N, C-alpha and C. Protein backbone atom coordinates (compact mmCIF):
# COMPACT_ATOMS: atom_id res chain seq x y z
N UNK A 1 -143.11 78.55 -34.73
CA UNK A 1 -143.73 77.32 -35.35
C UNK A 1 -143.97 77.74 -36.82
N UNK A 2 -143.62 76.83 -37.64
CA UNK A 2 -143.84 77.09 -39.09
C UNK A 2 -145.31 76.79 -39.36
N UNK A 3 -145.81 77.60 -40.34
CA UNK A 3 -147.20 77.57 -40.74
C UNK A 3 -147.49 76.25 -41.47
N UNK A 4 -146.45 75.65 -42.13
CA UNK A 4 -146.79 74.33 -42.71
C UNK A 4 -146.94 73.21 -41.78
N UNK A 5 -146.43 73.33 -40.52
CA UNK A 5 -146.69 72.34 -39.57
C UNK A 5 -148.16 72.25 -39.18
N UNK A 6 -148.84 73.35 -39.17
CA UNK A 6 -150.30 73.36 -38.84
C UNK A 6 -151.13 72.68 -39.90
N UNK A 7 -150.64 72.65 -41.07
CA UNK A 7 -151.38 72.01 -42.24
C UNK A 7 -151.30 70.48 -42.22
N UNK A 8 -150.36 70.00 -41.34
CA UNK A 8 -150.23 68.54 -41.19
C UNK A 8 -151.35 67.90 -40.49
N UNK A 9 -152.16 68.71 -39.55
CA UNK A 9 -153.26 68.26 -38.95
C UNK A 9 -154.36 67.92 -39.85
N UNK A 10 -154.97 66.72 -39.84
CA UNK A 10 -155.93 66.39 -41.00
C UNK A 10 -157.23 67.31 -40.99
N UNK A 11 -157.56 67.93 -39.97
CA UNK A 11 -158.71 68.66 -39.91
C UNK A 11 -158.72 69.86 -40.85
N UNK A 12 -157.69 70.53 -40.80
CA UNK A 12 -157.49 71.68 -41.69
C UNK A 12 -157.57 71.46 -43.18
N UNK A 13 -156.81 70.58 -43.69
CA UNK A 13 -156.96 70.24 -45.13
C UNK A 13 -158.43 69.81 -45.49
N UNK A 14 -159.02 68.97 -44.59
CA UNK A 14 -160.38 68.50 -44.88
C UNK A 14 -161.32 69.64 -45.01
N UNK A 15 -161.30 70.74 -44.17
CA UNK A 15 -162.17 71.83 -44.12
C UNK A 15 -161.84 72.72 -45.46
N UNK A 16 -160.56 72.79 -45.64
CA UNK A 16 -160.15 73.55 -46.95
C UNK A 16 -160.69 72.96 -48.17
N UNK A 17 -160.55 71.60 -48.38
CA UNK A 17 -161.08 70.83 -49.49
C UNK A 17 -162.68 70.93 -49.46
N UNK A 18 -163.18 70.69 -48.32
CA UNK A 18 -164.72 70.74 -48.21
C UNK A 18 -165.29 72.06 -48.58
N UNK A 19 -164.63 73.21 -48.18
CA UNK A 19 -165.10 74.54 -48.49
C UNK A 19 -164.89 74.87 -49.96
N UNK A 20 -163.79 74.35 -50.70
CA UNK A 20 -163.72 74.50 -52.04
C UNK A 20 -164.75 73.69 -52.76
N UNK A 21 -164.93 72.41 -52.25
CA UNK A 21 -166.01 71.60 -52.97
C UNK A 21 -167.33 72.30 -52.91
N UNK A 22 -167.71 72.86 -51.74
CA UNK A 22 -168.98 73.55 -51.67
C UNK A 22 -169.26 74.70 -52.54
N UNK A 23 -168.03 75.51 -52.73
CA UNK A 23 -168.09 76.68 -53.66
C UNK A 23 -168.29 76.14 -55.06
N UNK A 24 -167.61 75.07 -55.45
CA UNK A 24 -167.72 74.52 -56.77
C UNK A 24 -169.12 73.93 -56.96
N UNK A 25 -169.65 73.16 -56.03
CA UNK A 25 -171.04 72.70 -56.19
C UNK A 25 -171.97 73.95 -56.35
N UNK A 26 -171.72 75.11 -55.72
CA UNK A 26 -172.69 76.28 -55.77
C UNK A 26 -172.54 76.90 -57.15
N UNK A 27 -171.23 76.93 -57.73
CA UNK A 27 -171.08 77.44 -59.05
C UNK A 27 -171.81 76.66 -60.06
N UNK A 28 -171.86 75.33 -60.01
CA UNK A 28 -172.57 74.53 -60.85
C UNK A 28 -174.01 74.20 -60.63
N UNK A 29 -174.58 74.75 -59.57
CA UNK A 29 -175.94 74.63 -59.24
C UNK A 29 -176.85 75.45 -60.14
N UNK A 30 -178.00 74.90 -60.40
CA UNK A 30 -178.89 75.60 -61.37
C UNK A 30 -179.33 76.94 -60.60
N UNK A 31 -179.19 78.08 -61.20
CA UNK A 31 -179.56 79.48 -60.67
C UNK A 31 -180.99 79.59 -60.20
N UNK A 32 -181.85 78.61 -60.69
CA UNK A 32 -183.31 78.68 -60.43
C UNK A 32 -183.73 77.89 -59.23
N UNK A 33 -182.71 77.00 -58.88
CA UNK A 33 -182.93 76.05 -57.63
C UNK A 33 -183.01 76.81 -56.42
N UNK A 34 -184.02 76.44 -55.57
CA UNK A 34 -184.30 77.19 -54.33
C UNK A 34 -184.23 76.15 -53.16
N UNK A 35 -183.87 76.69 -51.95
CA UNK A 35 -184.02 76.00 -50.70
C UNK A 35 -185.34 75.83 -50.30
N UNK A 36 -185.63 75.11 -49.26
CA UNK A 36 -187.00 74.98 -48.69
C UNK A 36 -187.60 76.33 -48.24
N UNK A 37 -186.73 77.22 -47.77
CA UNK A 37 -186.99 78.62 -47.35
C UNK A 37 -187.41 79.54 -48.62
N UNK A 38 -186.98 79.15 -49.76
CA UNK A 38 -187.17 79.98 -50.87
C UNK A 38 -185.90 80.84 -51.30
N UNK A 39 -184.86 80.54 -50.70
CA UNK A 39 -183.57 81.20 -51.07
C UNK A 39 -182.86 80.49 -52.10
N UNK A 40 -181.90 81.12 -52.80
CA UNK A 40 -181.21 80.60 -53.83
C UNK A 40 -180.25 79.49 -53.32
N UNK A 41 -180.41 78.29 -53.85
CA UNK A 41 -179.54 77.24 -53.46
C UNK A 41 -178.11 77.48 -53.94
N UNK A 42 -177.99 78.08 -55.03
CA UNK A 42 -176.68 78.35 -55.56
C UNK A 42 -175.88 79.18 -54.56
N UNK A 43 -176.55 80.37 -54.08
CA UNK A 43 -175.81 81.21 -53.17
C UNK A 43 -175.59 80.67 -51.71
N UNK A 44 -176.59 79.63 -51.34
CA UNK A 44 -176.46 78.89 -50.19
C UNK A 44 -175.08 78.09 -50.15
N UNK A 45 -174.87 77.30 -51.21
CA UNK A 45 -173.59 76.53 -51.33
C UNK A 45 -172.35 77.29 -51.29
N UNK A 46 -172.38 78.49 -52.05
CA UNK A 46 -171.21 79.33 -52.17
C UNK A 46 -170.88 80.06 -50.85
N UNK A 47 -171.98 80.56 -50.19
CA UNK A 47 -171.81 81.16 -48.86
C UNK A 47 -171.23 80.18 -47.82
N UNK A 48 -171.88 78.93 -47.76
CA UNK A 48 -171.44 77.96 -46.79
C UNK A 48 -170.00 77.48 -47.11
N UNK A 49 -169.58 77.35 -48.29
CA UNK A 49 -168.20 77.00 -48.66
C UNK A 49 -167.29 78.17 -48.33
N UNK A 50 -167.61 79.39 -48.57
CA UNK A 50 -166.89 80.55 -48.24
C UNK A 50 -166.64 80.67 -46.76
N UNK A 51 -167.75 80.34 -45.96
CA UNK A 51 -167.72 80.45 -44.43
C UNK A 51 -166.63 79.45 -43.97
N UNK A 52 -166.56 78.23 -44.53
CA UNK A 52 -165.68 77.22 -44.12
C UNK A 52 -164.21 77.66 -44.52
N UNK A 53 -164.00 78.35 -45.53
CA UNK A 53 -162.70 78.80 -45.90
C UNK A 53 -162.23 79.87 -44.96
N UNK A 54 -163.16 80.86 -44.73
CA UNK A 54 -162.77 81.93 -43.90
C UNK A 54 -162.53 81.46 -42.41
N UNK A 55 -163.41 80.53 -41.94
CA UNK A 55 -163.29 79.90 -40.66
C UNK A 55 -161.96 79.31 -40.50
N UNK A 56 -161.52 78.42 -41.39
CA UNK A 56 -160.27 77.70 -41.37
C UNK A 56 -159.12 78.67 -41.34
N UNK A 57 -159.10 79.64 -42.16
CA UNK A 57 -158.10 80.70 -42.24
C UNK A 57 -157.96 81.47 -40.87
N UNK A 58 -159.02 81.80 -40.34
CA UNK A 58 -158.99 82.48 -39.06
C UNK A 58 -158.43 81.58 -37.93
N UNK A 59 -158.87 80.32 -37.92
CA UNK A 59 -158.35 79.56 -36.89
C UNK A 59 -156.87 79.21 -37.13
N UNK A 60 -156.52 78.92 -38.40
CA UNK A 60 -155.05 78.53 -38.63
C UNK A 60 -154.16 79.86 -38.21
N UNK A 61 -154.59 81.13 -38.68
CA UNK A 61 -153.70 82.23 -38.35
C UNK A 61 -153.72 82.49 -36.79
N UNK A 62 -154.85 82.24 -36.13
CA UNK A 62 -154.90 82.45 -34.68
C UNK A 62 -153.98 81.61 -33.94
N UNK A 63 -154.04 80.26 -34.33
CA UNK A 63 -153.16 79.31 -33.73
C UNK A 63 -151.63 79.63 -34.03
N UNK A 64 -151.36 80.03 -35.27
CA UNK A 64 -150.01 80.30 -35.61
C UNK A 64 -149.56 81.49 -34.86
N UNK A 65 -150.26 82.58 -34.65
CA UNK A 65 -149.85 83.70 -34.03
C UNK A 65 -149.71 83.45 -32.43
N UNK A 66 -150.60 82.74 -31.95
CA UNK A 66 -150.45 82.32 -30.56
C UNK A 66 -149.16 81.59 -30.18
N UNK A 67 -149.03 80.51 -31.02
CA UNK A 67 -147.80 79.75 -30.88
C UNK A 67 -146.52 80.49 -31.06
N UNK A 68 -146.47 81.32 -32.19
CA UNK A 68 -145.17 82.09 -32.49
C UNK A 68 -144.92 83.04 -31.35
N UNK A 69 -145.98 83.66 -30.71
CA UNK A 69 -145.81 84.52 -29.71
C UNK A 69 -145.10 83.97 -28.52
N UNK A 70 -145.47 82.71 -28.20
CA UNK A 70 -144.94 82.04 -27.12
C UNK A 70 -143.50 81.65 -27.39
N UNK A 71 -143.25 81.21 -28.65
CA UNK A 71 -141.81 80.90 -29.01
C UNK A 71 -140.94 82.07 -29.04
N UNK A 72 -141.50 83.20 -29.41
CA UNK A 72 -140.69 84.57 -29.43
C UNK A 72 -140.38 84.90 -27.98
N UNK A 73 -141.30 84.69 -27.05
CA UNK A 73 -141.09 85.04 -25.66
C UNK A 73 -139.94 84.18 -25.10
N UNK A 74 -140.05 82.95 -25.49
CA UNK A 74 -138.99 81.88 -24.91
C UNK A 74 -137.59 82.23 -25.53
N UNK A 75 -137.52 82.49 -26.76
CA UNK A 75 -136.33 82.98 -27.44
C UNK A 75 -135.87 84.24 -26.88
N UNK A 76 -136.72 85.17 -26.66
CA UNK A 76 -136.22 86.43 -26.06
C UNK A 76 -135.63 86.26 -24.63
N UNK A 77 -136.26 85.49 -23.87
CA UNK A 77 -135.72 85.14 -22.52
C UNK A 77 -134.34 84.53 -22.51
N UNK A 78 -134.28 83.52 -23.47
CA UNK A 78 -133.02 82.75 -23.63
C UNK A 78 -131.99 83.70 -24.05
N UNK A 79 -132.17 84.76 -24.85
CA UNK A 79 -131.22 85.68 -25.37
C UNK A 79 -130.95 86.78 -24.37
N UNK A 80 -131.99 87.39 -23.77
CA UNK A 80 -131.82 88.52 -22.88
C UNK A 80 -131.97 88.27 -21.39
N UNK A 81 -132.54 87.14 -21.05
CA UNK A 81 -132.79 86.96 -19.69
C UNK A 81 -131.56 86.81 -18.71
N UNK A 82 -131.68 87.22 -17.51
CA UNK A 82 -130.56 87.13 -16.57
C UNK A 82 -130.74 85.88 -15.73
N UNK A 83 -129.84 85.03 -15.71
CA UNK A 83 -129.93 83.74 -14.96
C UNK A 83 -129.84 84.05 -13.50
N UNK A 84 -130.76 83.59 -12.68
CA UNK A 84 -130.77 83.80 -11.31
C UNK A 84 -131.27 82.52 -10.53
N UNK A 85 -130.98 82.48 -9.37
CA UNK A 85 -131.60 81.23 -8.48
C UNK A 85 -132.55 81.90 -7.59
N UNK A 86 -133.74 81.08 -7.58
CA UNK A 86 -134.91 81.46 -6.82
C UNK A 86 -135.22 80.54 -5.75
N UNK A 87 -135.61 81.01 -4.57
CA UNK A 87 -135.95 80.15 -3.55
C UNK A 87 -137.41 80.03 -3.38
N UNK A 88 -137.96 78.85 -3.36
CA UNK A 88 -139.48 78.64 -3.40
C UNK A 88 -139.84 78.89 -1.93
N UNK A 89 -140.69 79.98 -1.79
CA UNK A 89 -141.24 80.34 -0.52
C UNK A 89 -142.49 79.51 -0.24
N UNK A 90 -143.26 79.38 -1.41
CA UNK A 90 -144.53 78.69 -1.28
C UNK A 90 -144.85 78.12 -2.68
N UNK A 91 -145.46 76.98 -2.70
CA UNK A 91 -145.94 76.42 -4.00
C UNK A 91 -147.20 75.68 -3.71
N UNK A 92 -148.28 76.10 -4.36
CA UNK A 92 -149.62 75.46 -4.17
C UNK A 92 -150.27 75.28 -5.58
N UNK A 93 -151.09 74.27 -5.62
CA UNK A 93 -151.83 73.92 -6.77
C UNK A 93 -152.97 74.73 -6.99
N UNK A 94 -153.17 75.14 -8.29
CA UNK A 94 -154.32 76.11 -8.56
C UNK A 94 -155.48 75.28 -8.84
N UNK A 95 -155.34 73.94 -9.06
CA UNK A 95 -156.62 73.07 -9.25
C UNK A 95 -156.74 72.90 -10.87
N UNK A 96 -155.97 73.66 -11.65
CA UNK A 96 -155.92 73.63 -13.15
C UNK A 96 -155.03 72.64 -13.66
N UNK A 97 -155.43 71.75 -14.66
CA UNK A 97 -154.54 70.85 -15.12
C UNK A 97 -154.46 71.13 -16.64
N UNK A 98 -153.35 71.16 -17.33
CA UNK A 98 -153.12 71.29 -18.70
C UNK A 98 -152.36 70.00 -19.14
N UNK A 99 -153.05 69.27 -20.04
CA UNK A 99 -152.56 67.91 -20.44
C UNK A 99 -152.10 67.03 -19.28
N UNK A 100 -153.00 66.98 -18.29
CA UNK A 100 -152.80 66.19 -17.04
C UNK A 100 -151.45 66.72 -16.20
N UNK A 101 -151.04 67.85 -16.47
CA UNK A 101 -149.90 68.45 -15.73
C UNK A 101 -150.48 69.56 -14.96
N UNK A 102 -150.17 69.62 -13.55
CA UNK A 102 -150.79 70.76 -12.73
C UNK A 102 -150.16 72.07 -12.98
N UNK A 103 -151.02 73.16 -12.81
CA UNK A 103 -150.61 74.47 -12.95
C UNK A 103 -150.22 74.79 -11.41
N UNK A 104 -149.04 75.13 -11.11
CA UNK A 104 -148.66 75.51 -9.79
C UNK A 104 -148.50 76.97 -9.60
N UNK A 105 -148.93 77.53 -8.55
CA UNK A 105 -148.82 78.89 -8.18
C UNK A 105 -147.51 79.02 -7.16
N UNK A 106 -146.44 79.70 -7.62
CA UNK A 106 -145.27 79.80 -6.96
C UNK A 106 -145.21 81.18 -6.27
N UNK A 107 -144.67 81.25 -5.17
CA UNK A 107 -144.13 82.54 -4.53
C UNK A 107 -142.63 82.33 -4.34
N UNK A 108 -141.86 83.06 -5.19
CA UNK A 108 -140.44 82.90 -5.28
C UNK A 108 -139.72 84.16 -4.65
N UNK A 109 -138.51 83.90 -3.99
CA UNK A 109 -137.70 84.96 -3.56
C UNK A 109 -136.40 84.97 -4.45
N UNK A 110 -136.13 86.11 -5.03
CA UNK A 110 -135.00 86.17 -6.03
C UNK A 110 -134.08 87.31 -5.49
N UNK A 111 -132.84 87.17 -5.67
CA UNK A 111 -131.75 88.05 -5.27
C UNK A 111 -131.40 88.87 -6.55
N UNK A 112 -131.58 90.17 -6.40
CA UNK A 112 -131.13 91.01 -7.50
C UNK A 112 -129.67 91.33 -7.52
N UNK A 113 -129.23 92.29 -8.46
CA UNK A 113 -127.75 92.56 -8.58
C UNK A 113 -127.21 93.30 -7.39
N UNK A 114 -128.07 94.01 -6.66
CA UNK A 114 -127.68 94.73 -5.49
C UNK A 114 -127.64 93.97 -4.22
N UNK A 115 -127.96 92.68 -4.30
CA UNK A 115 -128.06 91.78 -3.24
C UNK A 115 -129.36 91.86 -2.46
N UNK A 116 -130.29 92.69 -2.87
CA UNK A 116 -131.61 92.73 -2.15
C UNK A 116 -132.52 91.60 -2.67
N UNK A 117 -133.32 91.04 -1.82
CA UNK A 117 -134.21 90.07 -2.10
C UNK A 117 -135.66 90.65 -2.34
N UNK A 118 -136.28 90.08 -3.50
CA UNK A 118 -137.69 90.52 -3.70
C UNK A 118 -138.47 89.30 -4.08
N UNK A 119 -139.77 89.31 -3.81
CA UNK A 119 -140.72 88.06 -3.96
C UNK A 119 -141.43 88.33 -5.28
N UNK A 120 -141.76 87.24 -5.93
CA UNK A 120 -142.48 87.21 -7.18
C UNK A 120 -143.52 86.16 -7.14
N UNK A 121 -144.74 86.49 -7.57
CA UNK A 121 -145.78 85.37 -7.71
C UNK A 121 -145.75 84.94 -9.19
N UNK A 122 -145.78 83.65 -9.33
CA UNK A 122 -145.77 83.09 -10.75
C UNK A 122 -146.45 81.84 -10.90
N UNK A 123 -147.23 81.74 -11.99
CA UNK A 123 -148.05 80.49 -12.26
C UNK A 123 -147.24 79.70 -13.34
N UNK A 124 -147.07 78.51 -13.12
CA UNK A 124 -146.35 77.66 -14.23
C UNK A 124 -146.92 76.25 -14.30
N UNK A 125 -147.08 75.79 -15.51
CA UNK A 125 -147.42 74.43 -15.71
C UNK A 125 -146.35 73.47 -15.60
N UNK A 126 -146.30 72.54 -14.62
CA UNK A 126 -145.20 71.83 -14.23
C UNK A 126 -145.39 70.34 -14.60
N UNK A 127 -144.35 69.83 -15.31
CA UNK A 127 -144.46 68.48 -15.71
C UNK A 127 -144.39 67.55 -14.54
N UNK A 128 -145.14 66.44 -14.63
CA UNK A 128 -145.23 65.55 -13.40
C UNK A 128 -143.82 64.93 -13.04
N UNK A 129 -142.84 64.78 -14.01
CA UNK A 129 -141.58 64.31 -13.55
C UNK A 129 -140.91 65.39 -12.71
N UNK A 130 -141.10 66.63 -12.98
CA UNK A 130 -140.44 67.67 -12.22
C UNK A 130 -141.13 68.00 -10.93
N UNK A 131 -142.24 67.50 -10.72
CA UNK A 131 -143.10 67.85 -9.54
C UNK A 131 -142.33 67.57 -8.16
N UNK A 132 -141.71 66.45 -8.16
CA UNK A 132 -140.95 66.15 -6.76
C UNK A 132 -139.86 67.09 -6.49
N UNK A 133 -139.37 67.92 -7.43
CA UNK A 133 -138.33 68.87 -7.18
C UNK A 133 -138.82 70.17 -6.63
N UNK A 134 -140.06 70.28 -6.54
CA UNK A 134 -140.76 71.54 -6.01
C UNK A 134 -141.08 71.28 -4.53
N UNK A 135 -140.19 71.77 -3.67
CA UNK A 135 -140.38 71.70 -2.18
C UNK A 135 -140.22 73.11 -1.69
N UNK A 136 -140.71 73.41 -0.53
CA UNK A 136 -140.56 74.60 0.19
C UNK A 136 -139.10 74.76 0.48
N UNK A 137 -138.51 75.91 0.22
CA UNK A 137 -137.09 76.33 0.50
C UNK A 137 -136.12 75.74 -0.50
N UNK A 138 -136.61 74.97 -1.55
CA UNK A 138 -135.71 74.41 -2.53
C UNK A 138 -135.31 75.56 -3.43
N UNK A 139 -134.19 75.41 -4.16
CA UNK A 139 -133.66 76.46 -5.06
C UNK A 139 -133.88 75.93 -6.51
N UNK A 140 -134.45 76.88 -7.35
CA UNK A 140 -134.59 76.62 -8.77
C UNK A 140 -134.07 77.71 -9.58
N UNK A 141 -133.67 77.39 -10.84
CA UNK A 141 -133.17 78.39 -11.75
C UNK A 141 -134.23 79.14 -12.53
N UNK A 142 -134.06 80.49 -12.62
CA UNK A 142 -135.08 81.26 -13.36
C UNK A 142 -134.28 82.22 -14.22
N UNK A 143 -134.98 82.63 -15.25
CA UNK A 143 -134.37 83.74 -16.14
C UNK A 143 -135.32 84.96 -15.77
N UNK A 144 -134.62 86.09 -15.43
CA UNK A 144 -135.34 87.24 -15.12
C UNK A 144 -135.18 88.28 -16.20
N UNK A 145 -136.27 88.93 -16.56
CA UNK A 145 -136.27 89.99 -17.49
C UNK A 145 -135.46 91.17 -17.04
N UNK A 146 -134.59 91.68 -17.89
CA UNK A 146 -133.74 92.94 -17.51
C UNK A 146 -134.70 94.13 -17.48
N UNK A 147 -135.82 94.08 -18.15
CA UNK A 147 -136.72 95.27 -18.31
C UNK A 147 -137.62 95.30 -17.13
N UNK A 148 -138.23 94.15 -16.75
CA UNK A 148 -139.16 94.09 -15.66
C UNK A 148 -138.84 92.90 -14.77
N UNK A 149 -138.34 93.20 -13.55
CA UNK A 149 -137.72 92.11 -12.71
C UNK A 149 -138.72 91.09 -12.23
N UNK A 150 -140.14 91.47 -12.39
CA UNK A 150 -141.21 90.50 -11.83
C UNK A 150 -141.51 89.57 -12.99
N UNK A 151 -141.08 89.81 -14.28
CA UNK A 151 -141.33 88.90 -15.40
C UNK A 151 -140.24 87.85 -15.41
N UNK A 152 -140.52 86.67 -15.22
CA UNK A 152 -139.55 85.52 -15.14
C UNK A 152 -140.08 84.35 -16.01
N UNK A 153 -139.03 83.55 -16.11
CA UNK A 153 -139.32 82.24 -16.86
C UNK A 153 -138.53 81.12 -16.07
N UNK A 154 -139.31 80.21 -15.54
CA UNK A 154 -138.75 79.15 -14.69
C UNK A 154 -138.07 78.18 -15.57
N UNK A 155 -136.99 77.67 -15.08
CA UNK A 155 -136.11 76.65 -15.87
C UNK A 155 -136.16 75.38 -15.05
N UNK A 156 -136.72 74.29 -15.56
CA UNK A 156 -136.71 72.99 -14.83
C UNK A 156 -135.67 72.12 -15.48
């Protein structure tokens, strides 16, 4: 994900502008002005504005790195993953929903290069449109990591 896409959300520019405005107010505040507690009002505004700026930067970079990590994982699987067919041994709901889509706990049986079968437990957020294709003993396509055979990505 590009960093500029995150700036399109109206919350981040508002906090950035708000933080800059608070710092500017602090710079132009009379140095002798005090808060009710007796602290310098000038430093109060500067610290509050700086806090907003630092908070926004931490949140922006945190979201950016989390989203880019997931995109890198998907790209790596598309480039290096080995396409296999997996048989659904068991599929059960975890009770968790992400954007009204259930998270399903799968137990899959996958055949490796030597013809041996191994089972993998995997949790996946499943779109409601694909939910009807998840039945016991049905076959789904997965990408298997060549490094660690238990690391998979389900393709719906």
